[in-house]
PDB file of N, CA and C in Angstrom:
ATOM      1  N   UNK A   1     226.284 138.646-225.118  1.00  0.00           N
ATOM      2  CA  UNK A   1     227.022 138.168-223.919  1.00  0.00           C
ATOM      3  C   UNK A   1     225.796 137.766-222.944  1.00  0.00           C
ATOM      4  N   UNK A   2     224.652 138.391-223.114  1.00  0.00           N
ATOM      5  CA  UNK A   2     223.550 137.803-222.164  1.00  0.00           C
ATOM      6  C   UNK A   2     223.247 136.483-222.736  1.00  0.00           C
ATOM      7  N   UNK A   3     223.222 136.065-223.788  1.00  0.00           N
ATOM      8  CA  UNK A   3     222.883 134.727-224.289  1.00  0.00           C
ATOM      9  C   UNK A   3     223.872 133.755-223.767  1.00  0.00           C
ATOM     10  N   UNK A   4     225.230 134.151-223.886  1.00  0.00           N
ATOM     11  CA  UNK A   4     226.424 133.219-223.471  1.00  0.00           C
ATOM     12  C   UNK A   4     226.328 133.065-222.005  1.00  0.00           C
ATOM     13  N   UNK A   5     225.909 133.937-221.221  1.00  0.00           N
ATOM     14  CA  UNK A   5     226.045 133.900-219.852  1.00  0.00           C
ATOM     15  C   UNK A   5     224.847 132.915-219.396  1.00  0.00           C
ATOM     16  N   UNK A   6     223.809 133.066-220.060  1.00  0.00           N
ATOM     17  CA  UNK A   6     222.528 132.114-219.793  1.00  0.00           C
ATOM     18  C   UNK A   6     223.072 130.566-220.252  1.00  0.00           C
ATOM     19  N   UNK A   7     223.761 130.322-221.294  1.00  0.00           N
ATOM     20  CA  UNK A   7     224.055 129.234-221.798  1.00  0.00           C
ATOM     21  C   UNK A   7     225.033 128.601-220.803  1.00  0.00           C
ATOM     22  N   UNK A   8     226.071 129.493-220.078  1.00  0.00           N
ATOM     23  CA  UNK A   8     227.196 129.017-219.543  1.00  0.00           C
ATOM     24  C   UNK A   8     226.359 128.307-218.367  1.00  0.00           C
ATOM     25  N   UNK A   9     225.246 128.747-217.777  1.00  0.00           N
ATOM     26  CA  UNK A   9     224.757 128.411-216.524  1.00  0.00           C
ATOM     27  C   UNK A   9     224.350 126.894-216.501  1.00  0.00           C
ATOM     28  N   UNK A  10     223.557 126.564-217.545  1.00  0.00           N
ATOM     29  CA  UNK A  10     222.984 125.164-217.836  1.00  0.00           C
ATOM     30  C   UNK A  10     222.803 124.783-219.141  1.00  0.00           C
ATOM     31  N   UNK A  11     223.737 125.198-220.141  1.00  0.00           N
ATOM     32  CA  UNK A  11     223.639 124.863-221.399  1.00  0.00           C
ATOM     33  C   UNK A  11     224.900 124.082-221.854  1.00  0.00           C
ATOM     34  N   UNK A  12     226.026 123.942-221.072  1.00  0.00           N
ATOM     35  CA  UNK A  12     227.190 123.560-221.389  1.00  0.00           C
ATOM     36  C   UNK A  12     227.362 122.148-220.775  1.00  0.00           C
ATOM     37  N   UNK A  13     228.029 121.160-221.668  1.00  0.00           N
ATOM     38  CA  UNK A  13     228.163 119.786-221.092  1.00  0.00           C
ATOM     39  C   UNK A  13     229.871 119.674-221.573  1.00  0.00           C
ATOM     40  N   UNK A  14     230.640 119.333-220.654  1.00  0.00           N
ATOM     41  CA  UNK A  14     231.880 118.922-221.197  1.00  0.00           C
ATOM     42  C   UNK A  14     231.962 117.506-221.456  1.00  0.00           C
ATOM     43  N   UNK A  15     232.134 117.242-222.899  1.00  0.00           N
ATOM     44  CA  UNK A  15     232.454 115.860-223.288  1.00  0.00           C
ATOM     45  C   UNK A  15     233.711 114.928-222.868  1.00  0.00           C
ATOM     46  N   UNK A  16     234.726 115.854-223.262  1.00  0.00           N
ATOM     47  CA  UNK A  16     236.099 115.387-222.751  1.00  0.00           C
ATOM     48  C   UNK A  16     237.011 116.773-222.657  1.00  0.00           C
ATOM     49  N   UNK A  17     238.221 116.402-222.553  1.00  0.00           N
ATOM     50  CA  UNK A  17     239.077 117.622-222.472  1.00  0.00           C
ATOM     51  C   UNK A  17     239.062 118.529-223.736  1.00  0.00           C
ATOM     52  N   UNK A  18     238.625 119.761-223.597  1.00  0.00           N
ATOM     53  CA  UNK A  18     238.656 120.530-224.752  1.00  0.00           C
ATOM     54  C   UNK A  18     237.472 120.361-225.654  1.00  0.00           C
ATOM     55  N   UNK A  19     236.402 119.636-225.249  1.00  0.00           N
ATOM     56  CA  UNK A  19     235.286 119.232-226.159  1.00  0.00           C
ATOM     57  C   UNK A  19     234.136 119.713-225.408  1.00  0.00           C
ATOM     58  N   UNK A  20     233.171 120.392-225.662  1.00  0.00           N
ATOM     59  CA  UNK A  20     231.829 120.722-225.052  1.00  0.00           C
ATOM     60  C   UNK A  20     230.729 120.678-226.126  1.00  0.00           C
ATOM     61  N   UNK A  21     229.437 120.362-225.463  1.00  0.00           N
ATOM     62  CA  UNK A  21     228.442 120.438-226.257  1.00  0.00           C
ATOM     63  C   UNK A  21     227.579 121.433-225.546  1.00  0.00           C
ATOM     64  N   UNK A  22     227.008 122.325-226.458  1.00  0.00           N
ATOM     65  CA  UNK A  22     226.376 123.525-225.960  1.00  0.00           C
ATOM     66  C   UNK A  22     224.976 123.682-226.537  1.00  0.00           C
ATOM     67  N   UNK A  23     223.838 123.651-225.844  1.00  0.00           N
ATOM     68  CA  UNK A  23     222.563 123.694-226.409  1.00  0.00           C
ATOM     69  C   UNK A  23     222.439 125.037-227.216  1.00  0.00           C
ATOM     70  N   UNK A  24     221.351 125.013-227.973  1.00  0.00           N
ATOM     71  CA  UNK A  24     220.968 126.218-228.928  1.00  0.00           C
ATOM     72  C   UNK A  24     220.130 126.682-228.051  1.00  0.00           C
ATOM     73  N   UNK A  25     219.948 127.967-228.195  1.00  0.00           N
ATOM     74  CA  UNK A  25     218.939 128.869-227.221  1.00  0.00           C
ATOM     75  C   UNK A  25     217.488 128.987-228.213  1.00  0.00           C
ATOM     76  N   UNK A  26     217.616 128.708-229.473  1.00  0.00           N
ATOM     77  CA  UNK A  26     216.350 128.735-230.226  1.00  0.00           C
ATOM     78  C   UNK A  26     215.892 127.420-230.674  1.00  0.00           C
ATOM     79  N   UNK A  27     216.536 126.514-230.348  1.00  0.00           N
ATOM     80  CA  UNK A  27     215.992 125.310-230.709  1.00  0.00           C
ATOM     81  C   UNK A  27     216.397 124.302-229.651  1.00  0.00           C
ATOM     82  N   UNK A  28     215.414 123.717-228.719  1.00  0.00           N
ATOM     83  CA  UNK A  28     215.635 123.086-227.710  1.00  0.00           C
ATOM     84  C   UNK A  28     216.176 121.487-228.004  1.00  0.00           C
ATOM     85  N   UNK A  29     215.947 121.217-229.319  1.00  0.00           N
ATOM     86  CA  UNK A  29     216.260 119.926-229.837  1.00  0.00           C
ATOM     87  C   UNK A  29     217.723 119.740-230.327  1.00  0.00           C
ATOM     88  N   UNK A  30     218.400 121.030-230.421  1.00  0.00           N
ATOM     89  CA  UNK A  30     219.742 121.190-231.164  1.00  0.00           C
ATOM     90  C   UNK A  30     220.704 121.569-230.293  1.00  0.00           C
ATOM     91  N   UNK A  31     222.095 121.060-230.446  1.00  0.00           N
ATOM     92  CA  UNK A  31     223.417 121.516-229.823  1.00  0.00           C
ATOM     93  C   UNK A  31     224.297 121.681-230.682  1.00  0.00           C
ATOM     94  N   UNK A  32     225.411 122.428-230.330  1.00  0.00           N
ATOM     95  CA  UNK A  32     226.493 122.338-231.030  1.00  0.00           C
ATOM     96  C   UNK A  32     227.841 121.834-230.433  1.00  0.00           C
ATOM     97  N   UNK A  33     228.606 121.388-230.927  1.00  0.00           N
ATOM     98  CA  UNK A  33     230.078 120.899-230.513  1.00  0.00           C
ATOM     99  C   UNK A  33     231.064 122.209-230.595  1.00  0.00           C
ATOM    100  N   UNK A  34     231.593 122.349-229.521  1.00  0.00           N
ATOM    101  CA  UNK A  34     232.582 123.510-229.366  1.00  0.00           C
ATOM    102  C   UNK A  34     233.761 123.307-228.743  1.00  0.00           C
ATOM    103  N   UNK A  35     234.903 123.773-229.317  1.00  0.00           N
ATOM    104  CA  UNK A  35     236.296 123.524-228.680  1.00  0.00           C
ATOM    105  C   UNK A  35     236.596 125.154-228.262  1.00  0.00           C
ATOM    106  N   UNK A  36     237.710 125.181-227.777  1.00  0.00           N
ATOM    107  CA  UNK A  36     238.292 126.548-227.204  1.00  0.00           C
ATOM    108  C   UNK A  36     238.456 127.549-228.448  1.00  0.00           C
ATOM    109  N   UNK A  37     238.287 127.154-229.764  1.00  0.00           N
ATOM    110  CA  UNK A  37     238.470 128.213-230.558  1.00  0.00           C
ATOM    111  C   UNK A  37     237.515 128.024-231.955  1.00  0.00           C
ATOM    112  N   UNK A  38     236.533 127.019-231.863  1.00  0.00           N
ATOM    113  CA  UNK A  38     235.647 126.715-232.869  1.00  0.00           C
ATOM    114  C   UNK A  38     234.313 126.490-232.399  1.00  0.00           C
ATOM    115  N   UNK A  39     233.223 126.523-233.212  1.00  0.00           N
ATOM    116  CA  UNK A  39     231.923 125.888-232.974  1.00  0.00           C
ATOM    117  C   UNK A  39     231.350 125.512-234.411  1.00  0.00           C
ATOM    118  N   UNK A  40     230.555 124.362-234.135  1.00  0.00           N
ATOM    119  CA  UNK A  40     230.036 123.911-235.531  1.00  0.00           C
ATOM    120  C   UNK A  40     228.495 124.634-235.964  1.00  0.00           C
ATOM    121  N   UNK A  41     228.356 125.742-235.275  1.00  0.00           N
ATOM    122  CA  UNK A  41     226.952 126.515-235.456  1.00  0.00           C
ATOM    123  C   UNK A  41     227.364 127.162-236.964  1.00  0.00           C
ATOM    124  N   UNK A  42     226.105 127.525-237.517  1.00  0.00           N
ATOM    125  CA  UNK A  42     226.066 128.353-238.806  1.00  0.00           C
ATOM    126  C   UNK A  42     226.729 129.666-238.642  1.00  0.00           C
ATOM    127  N   UNK A  43     226.495 130.394-237.440  1.00  0.00           N
ATOM    128  CA  UNK A  43     227.115 131.725-237.276  1.00  0.00           C
ATOM    129  C   UNK A  43     228.662 131.676-237.396  1.00  0.00           C
ATOM    130  N   UNK A  44     229.202 130.802-236.802  1.00  0.00           N
ATOM    131  CA  UNK A  44     230.777 130.646-236.584  1.00  0.00           C
ATOM    132  C   UNK A  44     231.214 130.452-237.855  1.00  0.00           C
ATOM    133  N   UNK A  45     230.867 129.280-238.710  1.00  0.00           N
ATOM    134  CA  UNK A  45     231.304 128.916-239.990  1.00  0.00           C
ATOM    135  C   UNK A  45     230.976 130.049-240.842  1.00  0.00           C
ATOM    136  N   UNK A  46     229.951 130.758-240.971  1.00  0.00           N
ATOM    137  CA  UNK A  46     229.815 131.925-241.968  1.00  0.00           C
ATOM    138  C   UNK A  46     230.840 133.066-241.561  1.00  0.00           C
ATOM    139  N   UNK A  47     231.021 133.385-240.194  1.00  0.00           N
ATOM    140  CA  UNK A  47     232.155 134.369-239.892  1.00  0.00           C
ATOM    141  C   UNK A  47     233.408 133.783-240.538  1.00  0.00           C
ATOM    142  N   UNK A  48     233.848 132.720-240.358  1.00  0.00           N
ATOM    143  CA  UNK A  48     235.049 132.121-240.576  1.00  0.00           C
ATOM    144  C   UNK A  48     235.214 132.168-242.158  1.00  0.00           C
ATOM    145  N   UNK A  49     234.080 131.776-242.879  1.00  0.00           N
ATOM    146  CA  UNK A  49     234.226 131.786-244.456  1.00  0.00           C
ATOM    147  C   UNK A  49     234.615 133.168-244.871  1.00  0.00           C
ATOM    148  N   UNK A  50     233.855 133.999-244.366  1.00  0.00           N
ATOM    149  CA  UNK A  50     233.788 135.456-244.928  1.00  0.00           C
ATOM    150  C   UNK A  50     235.235 136.098-244.243  1.00  0.00           C
ATOM    151  N   UNK A  51     235.747 136.072-243.038  1.00  0.00           N
ATOM    152  CA  UNK A  51     236.868 136.681-242.641  1.00  0.00           C
ATOM    153  C   UNK A  51     238.215 135.728-242.418  1.00  0.00           C
ATOM    154  N   UNK A  52     238.167 134.635-242.874  1.00  0.00           N
ATOM    155  CA  UNK A  52     239.257 133.871-242.850  1.00  0.00           C
ATOM    156  C   UNK A  52     240.584 134.532-243.465  1.00  0.00           C
ATOM    157  N   UNK A  53     241.721 134.479-242.558  1.00  0.00           N
ATOM    158  CA  UNK A  53     242.955 135.215-243.214  1.00  0.00           C
ATOM    159  C   UNK A  53     243.177 136.466-242.869  1.00  0.00           C
ATOM    160  N   UNK A  54     241.974 137.354-242.122  1.00  0.00           N
ATOM    161  CA  UNK A  54     242.140 138.704-241.931  1.00  0.00           C
ATOM    162  C   UNK A  54     242.245 139.035-240.473  1.00  0.00           C
ATOM    163  N   UNK A  55     242.916 137.932-239.665  1.00  0.00           N
ATOM    164  CA  UNK A  55     243.308 138.218-238.308  1.00  0.00           C
ATOM    165  C   UNK A  55     242.083 138.566-237.430  1.00  0.00           C
ATOM    166  N   UNK A  56     240.870 138.397-237.802  1.00  0.00           N
ATOM    167  CA  UNK A  56     239.851 138.585-236.995  1.00  0.00           C
ATOM    168  C   UNK A  56     239.440 137.296-236.192  1.00  0.00           C
ATOM    169  N   UNK A  57     239.026 137.405-234.988  1.00  0.00           N
ATOM    170  CA  UNK A  57     238.630 136.090-234.038  1.00  0.00           C
ATOM    171  C   UNK A  57     237.310 136.059-234.222  1.00  0.00           C
ATOM    172  N   UNK A  58     236.840 134.824-234.671  1.00  0.00           N
ATOM    173  CA  UNK A  58     235.487 134.533-234.851  1.00  0.00           C
ATOM    174  C   UNK A  58     235.015 134.234-233.459  1.00  0.00           C
ATOM    175  N   UNK A  59     233.783 134.528-233.259  1.00  0.00           N
ATOM    176  CA  UNK A  59     232.897 134.435-231.914  1.00  0.00           C
ATOM    177  C   UNK A  59     231.474 134.255-232.281  1.00  0.00           C
ATOM    178  N   UNK A  60     231.043 133.371-231.245  1.00  0.00           N
ATOM    179  CA  UNK A  60     229.594 133.215-231.320  1.00  0.00           C
ATOM    180  C   UNK A  60     229.119 132.985-229.716  1.00  0.00           C
ATOM    181  N   UNK A  61     227.771 132.958-229.408  1.00  0.00           N
ATOM    182  CA  UNK A  61     227.393 132.855-228.199  1.00  0.00           C
ATOM    183  C   UNK A  61     227.671 131.543-227.554  1.00  0.00           C
ATOM    184  N   UNK A  62     227.900 130.325-228.298  1.00  0.00           N
ATOM    185  CA  UNK A  62     228.151 128.989-227.870  1.00  0.00           C
ATOM    186  C   UNK A  62     229.648 128.970-227.461  1.00  0.00           C
ATOM    187  N   UNK A  63     230.674 129.610-228.211  1.00  0.00           N
ATOM    188  CA  UNK A  63     231.917 129.949-227.978  1.00  0.00           C
ATOM    189  C   UNK A  63     232.273 130.606-226.668  1.00  0.00           C
ATOM    190  N   UNK A  64     231.546 131.711-226.421  1.00  0.00           N
ATOM    191  CA  UNK A  64     231.625 132.525-225.226  1.00  0.00           C
ATOM    192  C   UNK A  64     231.033 131.787-224.053  1.00  0.00           C
ATOM    193  N   UNK A  65     230.020 131.089-224.207  1.00  0.00           N
ATOM    194  CA  UNK A  65     229.382 130.389-223.278  1.00  0.00           C
ATOM    195  C   UNK A  65     230.363 129.231-222.633  1.00  0.00           C
ATOM    196  N   UNK A  66     231.212 128.582-223.608  1.00  0.00           N
ATOM    197  CA  UNK A  66     232.437 127.749-223.152  1.00  0.00           C
ATOM    198  C   UNK A  66     233.407 128.589-222.498  1.00  0.00           C
ATOM    199  N   UNK A  67     233.580 129.681-222.759  1.00  0.00           N
ATOM    200  CA  UNK A  67     234.891 130.556-222.259  1.00  0.00           C
ATOM    201  C   UNK A  67     234.457 130.799-220.795  1.00  0.00           C
ATOM    202  N   UNK A  68     233.073 131.441-220.616  1.00  0.00           N
ATOM    203  CA  UNK A  68     232.546 131.665-219.204  1.00  0.00           C
ATOM    204  C   UNK A  68     232.267 130.385-218.324  1.00  0.00           C
ATOM    205  N   UNK A  69     231.874 129.395-219.177  1.00  0.00           N
ATOM    206  CA  UNK A  69     232.073 127.908-218.260  1.00  0.00           C
ATOM    207  C   UNK A  69     233.286 127.606-217.695  1.00  0.00           C
ATOM    208  N   UNK A  70     234.133 127.613-218.571  1.00  0.00           N
ATOM    209  CA  UNK A  70     235.794 127.374-218.121  1.00  0.00           C
ATOM    210  C   UNK A  70     236.219 128.251-216.895  1.00  0.00           C
ATOM    211  N   UNK A  71     235.835 129.469-217.194  1.00  0.00           N
ATOM    212  CA  UNK A  71     236.157 130.618-216.164  1.00  0.00           C
ATOM    213  C   UNK A  71     235.674 130.318-214.771  1.00  0.00           C
ATOM    214  N   UNK A  72     234.242 130.135-214.673  1.00  0.00           N
ATOM    215  CA  UNK A  72     233.717 129.732-213.663  1.00  0.00           C
ATOM    216  C   UNK A  72     234.239 128.464-212.796  1.00  0.00           C
ATOM    217  N   UNK A  73     234.510 127.509-213.695  1.00  0.00           N
ATOM    218  CA  UNK A  73     234.952 126.307-213.184  1.00  0.00           C
ATOM    219  C   UNK A  73     236.348 126.504-212.545  1.00  0.00           C
ATOM    220  N   UNK A  74     237.210 127.322-213.030  1.00  0.00           N
ATOM    221  CA  UNK A  74     238.522 127.740-212.633  1.00  0.00           C
ATOM    222  C   UNK A  74     238.244 128.200-211.280  1.00  0.00           C
ATOM    223  N   UNK A  75     237.408 129.282-211.046  1.00  0.00           N
ATOM    224  CA  UNK A  75     237.121 129.988-209.837  1.00  0.00           C
ATOM    225  C   UNK A  75     236.601 129.278-208.750  1.00  0.00           C
ATOM    226  N   UNK A  76     235.541 128.347-209.138  1.00  0.00           N
ATOM    227  CA  UNK A  76     234.711 127.627-208.158  1.00  0.00           C
ATOM    228  C   UNK A  76     235.329 126.211-208.016  1.00  0.00           C
ATOM    229  N   UNK A  77     235.751 125.589-209.025  1.00  0.00           N
ATOM    230  CA  UNK A  77     236.003 124.176-209.074  1.00  0.00           C
ATOM    231  C   UNK A  77     234.976 123.502-209.217  1.00  0.00           C
ATOM    232  N   UNK A  78     233.611 124.074-209.466  1.00  0.00           N
ATOM    233  CA  UNK A  78     232.658 123.509-209.887  1.00  0.00           C
ATOM    234  C   UNK A  78     232.191 123.735-211.215  1.00  0.00           C
ATOM    235  N   UNK A  79     230.901 123.024-211.738  1.00  0.00           N
ATOM    236  CA  UNK A  79     230.237 123.436-212.990  1.00  0.00           C
ATOM    237  C   UNK A  79     230.642 122.572-214.052  1.00  0.00           C
ATOM    238  N   UNK A  80     231.695 121.711-213.802  1.00  0.00           N
ATOM    239  CA  UNK A  80     231.914 120.896-215.100  1.00  0.00           C
ATOM    240  C   UNK A  80     231.039 119.471-215.002  1.00  0.00           C
ATOM    241  N   UNK A  81     230.394 119.350-216.023  1.00  0.00           N
ATOM    242  CA  UNK A  81     229.731 118.056-216.215  1.00  0.00           C
ATOM    243  C   UNK A  81     230.215 117.332-217.289  1.00  0.00           C
ATOM    244  N   UNK A  82     230.637 116.053-216.844  1.00  0.00           N
ATOM    245  CA  UNK A  82     231.486 115.406-217.963  1.00  0.00           C
ATOM    246  C   UNK A  82     230.521 114.206-218.503  1.00  0.00           C
ATOM    247  N   UNK A  83     230.514 113.999-219.615  1.00  0.00           N
ATOM    248  CA  UNK A  83     229.602 112.959-220.098  1.00  0.00           C
ATOM    249  C   UNK A  83     230.660 111.832-220.805  1.00  0.00           C
ATOM    250  N   UNK A  84     230.733 110.435-220.211  1.00  0.00           N
ATOM    251  CA  UNK A  84     231.450 109.423-220.873  1.00  0.00           C
ATOM    252  C   UNK A  84     230.699 108.303-221.386  1.00  0.00           C
TER     253      UNK A  84
END
């Protein structure tokens, strides 16, 4: 959760409605594409691959960062950076 909070502060960029680009915490040259329920990081893909169909909800710090980012934006009306 600590990683997700750090990413939500300055690592999330809203690309369009429902699509976000989230920085990697371990590699400054890498980022991931995230929607409200998926991420293209390896951790998310591996969780999905091994637990698909078991009614478990996949999670990663990038997905959590987007959830926090969206919640903060709703509360303050600030925080969304849109790239077009």
